[in-house]
Amino acid sequence: MSVAPRIDSEFQALLPALTPDQRAGLQASLLAEGVLAPLVVWEEEGVLLDGHNRLEIAQREGLPFGTRTVKLVSREAAVEWIFRHQRDRRNLTPDQLALVMGRHYNRTKKKDHTYLIGNQHAKQGLQKVEHVAETTADRLAKDYGVSDLTIQRAGKFAAAVETLKTVDPDIESKVVTGKGPTRKAVIAAADAIAEPETAKALLSPGKPVSSPQGAPKAKSTNAPPSDGMRIARSAAGKLNEIRNDDLERSEAFAFMRSWLNAHEA
């Protein structure tokens, strides 16, 4: 049996939780074929970088495993290695990828902010800080192949998940399945964290979203029923064109459900 590498809790927290299907599939594969891919270890520190779930299953089931090492010059280089490796994975769900992007953005933005405060340009103040943050979003947007706004929204989502762990420790496991609360609901619940019961209610799946008080009702178009069904079918067809790996697929469907709730006669 190989000697297990050291687990760094901060590194492990960068990785999104597995869905139940992913965990079950991984365990079945390891039990059937063994741990084929070696775990990746930071050579200088003996810390595990990739393979946390494989290691946990291997130790529990008594499976042998191998390791390979990578040389890295610093802790920040190790963090960037982890994010880069996660970014290149092809089996991430949209919400898992959003967590990876968001955590990458939040950590990098914080690092850039810290650098700014410590250098000779600190006197330029918040305007310069905001510029650095925007540059961080632009840079990561290119790396992940998305827009800078998607990166910033992912940052809000990732921060909200961490905030909500105080009222729901399993929130991350729920959202990565794609069947739990939407990202919009997660962010709204985090904003309401000062009222834990309200936050929990916002996270309840299937909770109807009411229209704002005093909002005008949709005007009747007096369209005949046949036109209504034709338009509804056309809208449904457009929704079906959204790719399964689209990061905002779940939010699009949630928006349509909210709109229907608000405009239902």
C-alpha atoms as a PDB file:
ATOM      1  CA  MET A   1       0.000   0.000   0.000  1.00  0.00           C
ATOM      2  CA  SER A   2       1.370   3.405  -0.993  1.00  0.00           C
ATOM      3  CA  VAL A   3       1.949   6.066   1.626  1.00  0.00           C
ATOM      4  CA  ALA A   4      -0.903   8.556   1.455  1.00  0.00           C
ATOM      5  CA  PRO A   5       0.093  12.137   0.614  1.00  0.00           C
ATOM      6  CA  ARG A   6      -0.784  14.914   3.018  1.00  0.00           C
ATOM      7  CA  ILE A   7      -4.212  16.554   2.651  1.00  0.00           C
ATOM      8  CA  ASP A   8      -4.334  20.341   2.713  1.00  0.00           C
ATOM      9  CA  SER A   9      -7.827  21.474   3.754  1.00  0.00           C
ATOM     10  CA  GLU A  10      -7.586  24.733   1.805  1.00  0.00           C
ATOM     11  CA  PHE A  11      -6.603  22.927  -1.399  1.00  0.00           C
ATOM     12  CA  GLN A  12      -9.369  20.377  -0.904  1.00  0.00           C
ATOM     13  CA  ALA A  13     -11.950  23.157  -0.422  1.00  0.00           C
ATOM     14  CA  LEU A  14     -11.130  24.538  -3.870  1.00  0.00           C
ATOM     15  CA  LEU A  15     -12.594  21.403  -5.485  1.00  0.00           C
ATOM     16  CA  PRO A  16     -16.348  21.199  -6.127  1.00  0.00           C
ATOM     17  CA  ALA A  17     -18.289  18.398  -4.492  1.00  0.00           C
ATOM     18  CA  LEU A  18     -19.114  15.349  -6.624  1.00  0.00           C
ATOM     19  CA  THR A  19     -22.692  14.598  -7.568  1.00  0.00           C
ATOM     20  CA  PRO A  20     -24.082  11.296  -6.208  1.00  0.00           C
ATOM     21  CA  ASP A  21     -23.918   9.810  -9.720  1.00  0.00           C
ATOM     22  CA  GLN A  22     -20.299  10.899 -10.169  1.00  0.00           C
ATOM     23  CA  ARG A  23     -19.284   9.445  -6.809  1.00  0.00           C
ATOM     24  CA  ALA A  24     -21.111   6.164  -7.465  1.00  0.00           C
ATOM     25  CA  GLY A  25     -19.553   5.899 -10.929  1.00  0.00           C
ATOM     26  CA  LEU A  26     -16.070   6.625  -9.607  1.00  0.00           C
ATOM     27  CA  GLN A  27     -16.387   4.028  -6.857  1.00  0.00           C
ATOM     28  CA  ALA A  28     -17.704   1.385  -9.251  1.00  0.00           C
ATOM     29  CA  SER A  29     -14.828   2.068 -11.641  1.00  0.00           C
ATOM     30  CA  LEU A  30     -12.182   1.873  -8.909  1.00  0.00           C
ATOM     31  CA  LEU A  31     -13.596  -1.349  -7.495  1.00  0.00           C
ATOM     32  CA  ALA A  32     -13.735  -2.926 -10.947  1.00  0.00           C
ATOM     33  CA  GLU A  33     -10.428  -1.709 -12.395  1.00  0.00           C
ATOM     34  CA  GLY A  34      -8.386  -0.365  -9.489  1.00  0.00           C
ATOM     35  CA  VAL A  35      -6.867   3.095  -9.193  1.00  0.00           C
ATOM     36  CA  LEU A  36      -5.401   3.364 -12.682  1.00  0.00           C
ATOM     37  CA  ALA A  37      -4.521   7.078 -12.734  1.00  0.00           C
ATOM     38  CA  PRO A  38      -1.849   8.108 -10.229  1.00  0.00           C
ATOM     39  CA  LEU A  39      -2.627  10.747  -7.624  1.00  0.00           C
ATOM     40  CA  VAL A  40      -0.788  14.019  -8.219  1.00  0.00           C
ATOM     41  CA  VAL A  41       1.371  15.340  -5.370  1.00  0.00           C
ATOM     42  CA  TRP A  42       3.213  18.646  -4.898  1.00  0.00           C
ATOM     43  CA  GLU A  43       6.766  17.354  -4.741  1.00  0.00           C
ATOM     44  CA  GLU A  44       8.271  19.998  -2.485  1.00  0.00           C
ATOM     45  CA  GLU A  45       5.547  19.764   0.185  1.00  0.00           C
ATOM     46  CA  GLY A  46       4.163  16.230  -0.201  1.00  0.00           C
ATOM     47  CA  VAL A  47       0.632  17.665  -0.498  1.00  0.00           C
ATOM     48  CA  LEU A  48      -2.093  16.092  -2.628  1.00  0.00           C
ATOM     49  CA  LEU A  49      -3.159  18.264  -5.577  1.00  0.00           C
ATOM     50  CA  ASP A  50      -5.414  15.935  -7.547  1.00  0.00           C
ATOM     51  CA  GLY A  51      -7.198  12.713  -6.583  1.00  0.00           C
ATOM     52  CA  HIS A  52      -8.878  13.537  -3.265  1.00  0.00           C
ATOM     53  CA  ASN A  53     -11.974  11.462  -4.031  1.00  0.00           C
ATOM     54  CA  ARG A  54      -9.929   8.556  -5.422  1.00  0.00           C
ATOM     55  CA  LEU A  55      -7.755   8.593  -2.324  1.00  0.00           C
ATOM     56  CA  GLU A  56     -10.750   8.567   0.023  1.00  0.00           C
ATOM     57  CA  ILE A  57     -12.331   5.598  -1.785  1.00  0.00           C
ATOM     58  CA  ALA A  58      -9.025   3.740  -2.106  1.00  0.00           C
ATOM     59  CA  GLN A  59      -8.296   4.050   1.618  1.00  0.00           C
ATOM     60  CA  ARG A  60     -11.815   3.010   2.569  1.00  0.00           C
ATOM     61  CA  GLU A  61     -11.824  -0.002   0.244  1.00  0.00           C
ATOM     62  CA  GLY A  62      -8.189  -0.977   0.794  1.00  0.00           C
ATOM     63  CA  LEU A  63      -7.162  -0.381  -2.835  1.00  0.00           C
ATOM     64  CA  PRO A  64      -3.528   0.239  -3.809  1.00  0.00           C
ATOM     65  CA  PHE A  65      -2.729   3.474  -5.615  1.00  0.00           C
ATOM     66  CA  GLY A  66       0.232   5.177  -7.221  1.00  0.00           C
ATOM     67  CA  THR A  67       1.401   8.793  -7.184  1.00  0.00           C
ATOM     68  CA  ARG A  68       3.316  11.155  -9.402  1.00  0.00           C
ATOM     69  CA  THR A  69       4.853  14.466  -8.382  1.00  0.00           C
ATOM     70  CA  VAL A  70       4.977  17.928  -9.897  1.00  0.00           C
ATOM     71  CA  LYS A  71       7.473  20.640  -8.995  1.00  0.00           C
ATOM     72  CA  LEU A  72       5.936  23.977  -8.027  1.00  0.00           C
ATOM     73  CA  VAL A  73       7.679  27.084  -6.777  1.00  0.00           C
ATOM     74  CA  SER A  74       5.057  28.327  -4.302  1.00  0.00           C
ATOM     75  CA  ARG A  75       1.700  27.753  -2.684  1.00  0.00           C
ATOM     76  CA  GLU A  76       0.049  30.143  -5.142  1.00  0.00           C
ATOM     77  CA  ALA A  77       1.543  28.158  -8.019  1.00  0.00           C
ATOM     78  CA  ALA A  78       0.010  25.025  -6.492  1.00  0.00           C
ATOM     79  CA  VAL A  79      -3.394  26.715  -6.295  1.00  0.00           C
ATOM     80  CA  GLU A  80      -3.147  27.799  -9.940  1.00  0.00           C
ATOM     81  CA  TRP A  81      -2.217  24.233 -10.895  1.00  0.00           C
ATOM     82  CA  ILE A  82      -5.359  22.937  -9.170  1.00  0.00           C
ATOM     83  CA  PHE A  83      -7.627  25.459 -10.878  1.00  0.00           C
ATOM     84  CA  ARG A  84      -6.043  24.836 -14.283  1.00  0.00           C
ATOM     85  CA  HIS A  85      -6.471  21.094 -13.885  1.00  0.00           C
ATOM     86  CA  GLN A  86     -10.120  21.489 -12.851  1.00  0.00           C
ATOM     87  CA  ARG A  87     -10.773  23.854 -15.759  1.00  0.00           C
ATOM     88  CA  ASP A  88      -9.596  21.240 -18.234  1.00  0.00           C
ATOM     89  CA  ARG A  89     -11.860  18.484 -16.907  1.00  0.00           C
ATOM     90  CA  ARG A  90     -14.676  17.490 -19.253  1.00  0.00           C
ATOM     91  CA  ASN A  91     -17.050  15.872 -16.785  1.00  0.00           C
ATOM     92  CA  LEU A  92     -17.908  18.895 -14.656  1.00  0.00           C
ATOM     93  CA  THR A  93     -21.560  19.861 -14.373  1.00  0.00           C
ATOM     94  CA  PRO A  94     -22.365  23.529 -15.153  1.00  0.00           C
ATOM     95  CA  ASP A  95     -22.697  24.290 -11.431  1.00  0.00           C
ATOM     96  CA  GLN A  96     -19.414  22.544 -10.603  1.00  0.00           C
ATOM     97  CA  LEU A  97     -17.663  24.589 -13.289  1.00  0.00           C
ATOM     98  CA  ALA A  98     -19.312  27.753 -11.949  1.00  0.00           C
ATOM     99  CA  LEU A  99     -17.900  26.984  -8.497  1.00  0.00           C
ATOM    100  CA  VAL A 100     -14.423  26.430  -9.942  1.00  0.00           C
ATOM    101  CA  MET A 101     -14.557  29.683 -11.934  1.00  0.00           C
ATOM    102  CA  GLY A 102     -16.033  31.616  -9.033  1.00  0.00           C
ATOM    103  CA  ARG A 103     -13.495  30.387  -6.499  1.00  0.00           C
ATOM    104  CA  HIS A 104     -10.680  31.061  -8.956  1.00  0.00           C
ATOM    105  CA  TYR A 105     -11.961  34.587  -9.549  1.00  0.00           C
ATOM    106  CA  ASN A 106     -12.562  35.402  -5.883  1.00  0.00           C
ATOM    107  CA  ARG A 107      -9.150  34.153  -4.830  1.00  0.00           C
ATOM    108  CA  THR A 108      -7.296  35.819  -7.705  1.00  0.00           C
ATOM    109  CA  LYS A 109      -9.168  39.094  -7.254  1.00  0.00           C
ATOM    110  CA  LYS A 110      -8.255  39.098  -3.567  1.00  0.00           C
ATOM    111  CA  LYS A 111      -4.621  38.400  -4.422  1.00  0.00           C
ATOM    112  CA  ASP A 112      -4.554  41.241  -6.965  1.00  0.00           C
ATOM    113  CA  HIS A 113      -6.148  43.580  -4.419  1.00  0.00           C
ATOM    114  CA  THR A 114      -3.534  42.656  -1.813  1.00  0.00           C
ATOM    115  CA  TYR A 115      -0.731  43.276  -4.311  1.00  0.00           C
ATOM    116  CA  LEU A 116      -2.136  46.688  -5.179  1.00  0.00           C
ATOM    117  CA  ILE A 117      -2.371  47.812  -1.557  1.00  0.00           C
ATOM    118  CA  GLY A 118       1.242  46.834  -1.024  1.00  0.00           C
ATOM    119  CA  ASN A 119       2.741  48.564  -4.044  1.00  0.00           C
ATOM    120  CA  GLN A 120       3.572  52.133  -4.864  1.00  0.00           C
ATOM    121  CA  HIS A 121       0.276  52.719  -6.695  1.00  0.00           C
ATOM    122  CA  ALA A 122      -1.882  52.172  -3.591  1.00  0.00           C
ATOM    123  CA  LYS A 123      -2.505  55.910  -3.294  1.00  0.00           C
ATOM    124  CA  GLN A 124      -4.638  55.744  -6.452  1.00  0.00           C
ATOM    125  CA  GLY A 125      -7.324  54.149  -4.270  1.00  0.00           C
ATOM    126  CA  LEU A 126     -10.491  52.231  -5.024  1.00  0.00           C
ATOM    127  CA  GLN A 127     -10.671  53.235  -8.671  1.00  0.00           C
ATOM    128  CA  LYS A 128      -7.432  51.341  -9.282  1.00  0.00           C
ATOM    129  CA  VAL A 129      -8.639  48.377  -7.201  1.00  0.00           C
ATOM    130  CA  GLU A 130     -11.792  48.128  -9.317  1.00  0.00           C
ATOM    131  CA  HIS A 131      -9.693  48.265 -12.466  1.00  0.00           C
ATOM    132  CA  VAL A 132      -7.540  45.384 -11.228  1.00  0.00           C
ATOM    133  CA  ALA A 133     -10.674  43.356 -10.408  1.00  0.00           C
ATOM    134  CA  GLU A 134     -12.034  43.929 -13.917  1.00  0.00           C
ATOM    135  CA  THR A 135      -8.711  42.883 -15.382  1.00  0.00           C
ATOM    136  CA  THR A 136      -8.852  39.699 -13.317  1.00  0.00           C
ATOM    137  CA  ALA A 137     -12.304  38.905 -14.731  1.00  0.00           C
ATOM    138  CA  ASP A 138     -11.143  39.607 -18.277  1.00  0.00           C
ATOM    139  CA  ARG A 139      -8.089  37.403 -17.870  1.00  0.00           C
ATOM    140  CA  LEU A 140      -9.997  34.472 -16.418  1.00  0.00           C
ATOM    141  CA  ALA A 141     -12.755  34.886 -19.005  1.00  0.00           C
ATOM    142  CA  LYS A 142     -10.177  34.203 -21.704  1.00  0.00           C
ATOM    143  CA  ASP A 143      -8.845  31.180 -19.829  1.00  0.00           C
ATOM    144  CA  TYR A 144     -12.286  29.622 -19.376  1.00  0.00           C
ATOM    145  CA  GLY A 145     -13.719  30.711 -22.722  1.00  0.00           C
ATOM    146  CA  VAL A 146     -16.625  32.687 -21.239  1.00  0.00           C
ATOM    147  CA  SER A 147     -17.537  36.352 -20.770  1.00  0.00           C
ATOM    148  CA  ASP A 148     -16.201  38.502 -17.949  1.00  0.00           C
ATOM    149  CA  LEU A 149     -19.769  38.877 -16.654  1.00  0.00           C
ATOM    150  CA  THR A 150     -20.068  35.094 -16.407  1.00  0.00           C
ATOM    151  CA  ILE A 151     -16.881  35.033 -14.342  1.00  0.00           C
ATOM    152  CA  GLN A 152     -18.183  37.752 -12.027  1.00  0.00           C
ATOM    153  CA  ARG A 153     -21.552  36.006 -11.613  1.00  0.00           C
ATOM    154  CA  ALA A 154     -19.708  32.783 -10.828  1.00  0.00           C
ATOM    155  CA  GLY A 155     -17.773  34.681  -8.170  1.00  0.00           C
ATOM    156  CA  LYS A 156     -20.998  35.794  -6.509  1.00  0.00           C
ATOM    157  CA  PHE A 157     -22.365  32.246  -6.677  1.00  0.00           C
ATOM    158  CA  ALA A 158     -19.235  30.696  -5.156  1.00  0.00           C
ATOM    159  CA  ALA A 159     -19.144  33.284  -2.361  1.00  0.00           C
ATOM    160  CA  ALA A 160     -22.858  32.701  -1.671  1.00  0.00           C
ATOM    161  CA  VAL A 161     -22.339  28.940  -1.363  1.00  0.00           C
ATOM    162  CA  GLU A 162     -19.651  29.496   1.271  1.00  0.00           C
ATOM    163  CA  THR A 163     -21.862  31.940   3.161  1.00  0.00           C
ATOM    164  CA  LEU A 164     -24.821  29.537   3.200  1.00  0.00           C
ATOM    165  CA  LYS A 165     -22.822  26.663   4.673  1.00  0.00           C
ATOM    166  CA  THR A 166     -23.538  28.217   8.077  1.00  0.00           C
ATOM    167  CA  VAL A 167     -27.274  27.501   7.671  1.00  0.00           C
ATOM    168  CA  ASP A 168     -27.028  24.477   5.370  1.00  0.00           C
ATOM    169  CA  PRO A 169     -23.731  22.528   5.512  1.00  0.00           C
ATOM    170  CA  ASP A 170     -24.852  20.402   2.542  1.00  0.00           C
ATOM    171  CA  ILE A 171     -25.632  23.329   0.241  1.00  0.00           C
ATOM    172  CA  GLU A 172     -22.712  22.610  -2.108  1.00  0.00           C
ATOM    173  CA  SER A 173     -23.694  18.963  -2.548  1.00  0.00           C
ATOM    174  CA  LYS A 174     -27.235  20.107  -3.357  1.00  0.00           C
ATOM    175  CA  VAL A 175     -26.393  22.724  -5.954  1.00  0.00           C
ATOM    176  CA  VAL A 176     -23.884  20.670  -7.970  1.00  0.00           C
ATOM    177  CA  THR A 177     -26.566  18.117  -8.865  1.00  0.00           C
ATOM    178  CA  GLY A 178     -28.461  20.700 -10.912  1.00  0.00           C
ATOM    179  CA  LYS A 179     -31.634  19.628  -9.087  1.00  0.00           C
ATOM    180  CA  GLY A 180     -31.251  21.834  -6.043  1.00  0.00           C
ATOM    181  CA  PRO A 181     -31.762  25.595  -5.723  1.00  0.00           C
ATOM    182  CA  THR A 182     -30.771  27.720  -8.705  1.00  0.00           C
ATOM    183  CA  ARG A 183     -27.736  29.955  -8.593  1.00  0.00           C
ATOM    184  CA  LYS A 184     -30.038  32.961  -8.457  1.00  0.00           C
ATOM    185  CA  ALA A 185     -31.804  31.491  -5.401  1.00  0.00           C
ATOM    186  CA  VAL A 186     -28.469  30.699  -3.746  1.00  0.00           C
ATOM    187  CA  ILE A 187     -27.266  34.288  -4.154  1.00  0.00           C
ATOM    188  CA  ALA A 188     -30.607  35.671  -2.900  1.00  0.00           C
ATOM    189  CA  ALA A 189     -30.485  33.367   0.135  1.00  0.00           C
ATOM    190  CA  ALA A 190     -26.935  34.470   0.947  1.00  0.00           C
ATOM    191  CA  ASP A 191     -28.070  38.106   0.804  1.00  0.00           C
ATOM    192  CA  ALA A 192     -30.745  37.183   3.385  1.00  0.00           C
ATOM    193  CA  ILE A 193     -28.354  35.304   5.674  1.00  0.00           C
ATOM    194  CA  ALA A 194     -29.058  37.731   8.541  1.00  0.00           C
ATOM    195  CA  GLU A 195     -32.482  36.033   8.698  1.00  0.00           C
ATOM    196  CA  PRO A 196     -31.603  32.305   8.594  1.00  0.00           C
ATOM    197  CA  GLU A 197     -35.213  31.125   8.242  1.00  0.00           C
ATOM    198  CA  THR A 198     -35.741  33.405   5.262  1.00  0.00           C
ATOM    199  CA  ALA A 199     -32.512  32.149   3.712  1.00  0.00           C
ATOM    200  CA  LYS A 200     -33.603  28.532   4.180  1.00  0.00           C
ATOM    201  CA  ALA A 201     -36.992  29.268   2.635  1.00  0.00           C
ATOM    202  CA  LEU A 202     -35.371  30.784  -0.436  1.00  0.00           C
ATOM    203  CA  LEU A 203     -33.380  27.581  -0.885  1.00  0.00           C
ATOM    204  CA  SER A 204     -36.473  25.372  -0.859  1.00  0.00           C
ATOM    205  CA  PRO A 205     -36.806  23.668  -4.248  1.00  0.00           C
ATOM    206  CA  GLY A 206     -40.017  24.424  -6.078  1.00  0.00           C
ATOM    207  CA  LYS A 207     -40.722  27.541  -4.017  1.00  0.00           C
ATOM    208  CA  PRO A 208     -42.854  29.842  -6.181  1.00  0.00           C
ATOM    209  CA  VAL A 209     -41.340  33.200  -6.980  1.00  0.00           C
ATOM    210  CA  SER A 210     -43.945  35.893  -6.523  1.00  0.00           C
ATOM    211  CA  SER A 211     -43.891  39.051  -8.533  1.00  0.00           C
ATOM    212  CA  PRO A 212     -42.914  42.237  -6.685  1.00  0.00           C
ATOM    213  CA  GLN A 213     -45.777  43.882  -4.818  1.00  0.00           C
ATOM    214  CA  GLY A 214     -47.471  46.462  -6.972  1.00  0.00           C
ATOM    215  CA  ALA A 215     -45.910  45.176 -10.193  1.00  0.00           C
ATOM    216  CA  PRO A 216     -48.224  45.674 -13.176  1.00  0.00           C
ATOM    217  CA  LYS A 217     -49.947  42.597 -14.513  1.00  0.00           C
ATOM    218  CA  ALA A 218     -49.292  41.499 -18.034  1.00  0.00           C
ATOM    219  CA  LYS A 219     -51.657  43.100 -20.511  1.00  0.00           C
ATOM    220  CA  SER A 220     -54.033  40.834 -22.320  1.00  0.00           C
ATOM    221  CA  THR A 221     -53.254  40.499 -26.015  1.00  0.00           C
ATOM    222  CA  ASN A 222     -56.715  39.048 -26.773  1.00  0.00           C
ATOM    223  CA  ALA A 223     -54.909  36.442 -28.842  1.00  0.00           C
ATOM    224  CA  PRO A 224     -57.003  33.362 -29.639  1.00  0.00           C
ATOM    225  CA  PRO A 225     -56.057  30.107 -27.859  1.00  0.00           C
ATOM    226  CA  SER A 226     -54.439  28.739 -31.000  1.00  0.00           C
ATOM    227  CA  ASP A 227     -52.001  31.650 -31.068  1.00  0.00           C
ATOM    228  CA  GLY A 228     -51.227  31.165 -27.383  1.00  0.00           C
ATOM    229  CA  MET A 229     -50.366  27.489 -27.872  1.00  0.00           C
ATOM    230  CA  ARG A 230     -48.302  28.257 -30.964  1.00  0.00           C
ATOM    231  CA  ILE A 231     -46.252  30.873 -29.123  1.00  0.00           C
ATOM    232  CA  ALA A 232     -45.829  28.605 -26.083  1.00  0.00           C
ATOM    233  CA  ARG A 233     -44.582  25.753 -28.261  1.00  0.00           C
ATOM    234  CA  SER A 234     -42.171  28.098 -30.017  1.00  0.00           C
ATOM    235  CA  ALA A 235     -40.800  29.306 -26.642  1.00  0.00           C
ATOM    236  CA  ALA A 236     -40.422  25.719 -25.422  1.00  0.00           C
ATOM    237  CA  GLY A 237     -38.547  24.847 -28.601  1.00  0.00           C
ATOM    238  CA  LYS A 238     -36.158  27.724 -28.051  1.00  0.00           C
ATOM    239  CA  LEU A 239     -35.491  26.592 -24.472  1.00  0.00           C
ATOM    240  CA  ASN A 240     -34.711  23.102 -25.730  1.00  0.00           C
ATOM    241  CA  GLU A 241     -31.966  24.603 -27.896  1.00  0.00           C
ATOM    242  CA  ILE A 242     -29.978  25.493 -24.771  1.00  0.00           C
ATOM    243  CA  ARG A 243     -27.026  23.120 -24.462  1.00  0.00           C
ATOM    244  CA  ASN A 244     -26.811  20.922 -21.389  1.00  0.00           C
ATOM    245  CA  ASP A 245     -23.367  22.361 -20.617  1.00  0.00           C
ATOM    246  CA  ASP A 246     -24.573  25.972 -20.830  1.00  0.00           C
ATOM    247  CA  LEU A 247     -23.643  27.581 -17.507  1.00  0.00           C
ATOM    248  CA  GLU A 248     -26.925  29.505 -17.368  1.00  0.00           C
ATOM    249  CA  ARG A 249     -29.280  26.707 -18.484  1.00  0.00           C
ATOM    250  CA  SER A 250     -30.775  26.174 -15.021  1.00  0.00           C
ATOM    251  CA  GLU A 251     -31.171  29.934 -14.513  1.00  0.00           C
ATOM    252  CA  ALA A 252     -32.955  30.246 -17.871  1.00  0.00           C
ATOM    253  CA  PHE A 253     -35.515  27.614 -16.937  1.00  0.00           C
ATOM    254  CA  ALA A 254     -35.924  29.112 -13.466  1.00  0.00           C
ATOM    255  CA  PHE A 255     -36.534  32.535 -15.035  1.00  0.00           C
ATOM    256  CA  MET A 256     -39.263  31.094 -17.266  1.00  0.00           C
ATOM    257  CA  ARG A 257     -40.918  29.381 -14.291  1.00  0.00           C
ATOM    258  CA  SER A 258     -40.828  32.652 -12.356  1.00  0.00           C
ATOM    259  CA  TRP A 259     -42.280  34.551 -15.311  1.00  0.00           C
ATOM    260  CA  LEU A 260     -45.112  32.044 -15.669  1.00  0.00           C
ATOM    261  CA  ASN A 261     -45.888  32.252 -11.957  1.00  0.00           C
ATOM    262  CA  ALA A 262     -46.030  36.043 -12.150  1.00  0.00           C
ATOM    263  CA  HIS A 263     -48.199  36.168 -15.274  1.00  0.00           C
ATOM    264  CA  GLU A 264     -50.524  33.248 -14.656  1.00  0.00           C
ATOM    265  CA  ALA A 265     -54.125  34.389 -14.853  1.00  0.00           C
END
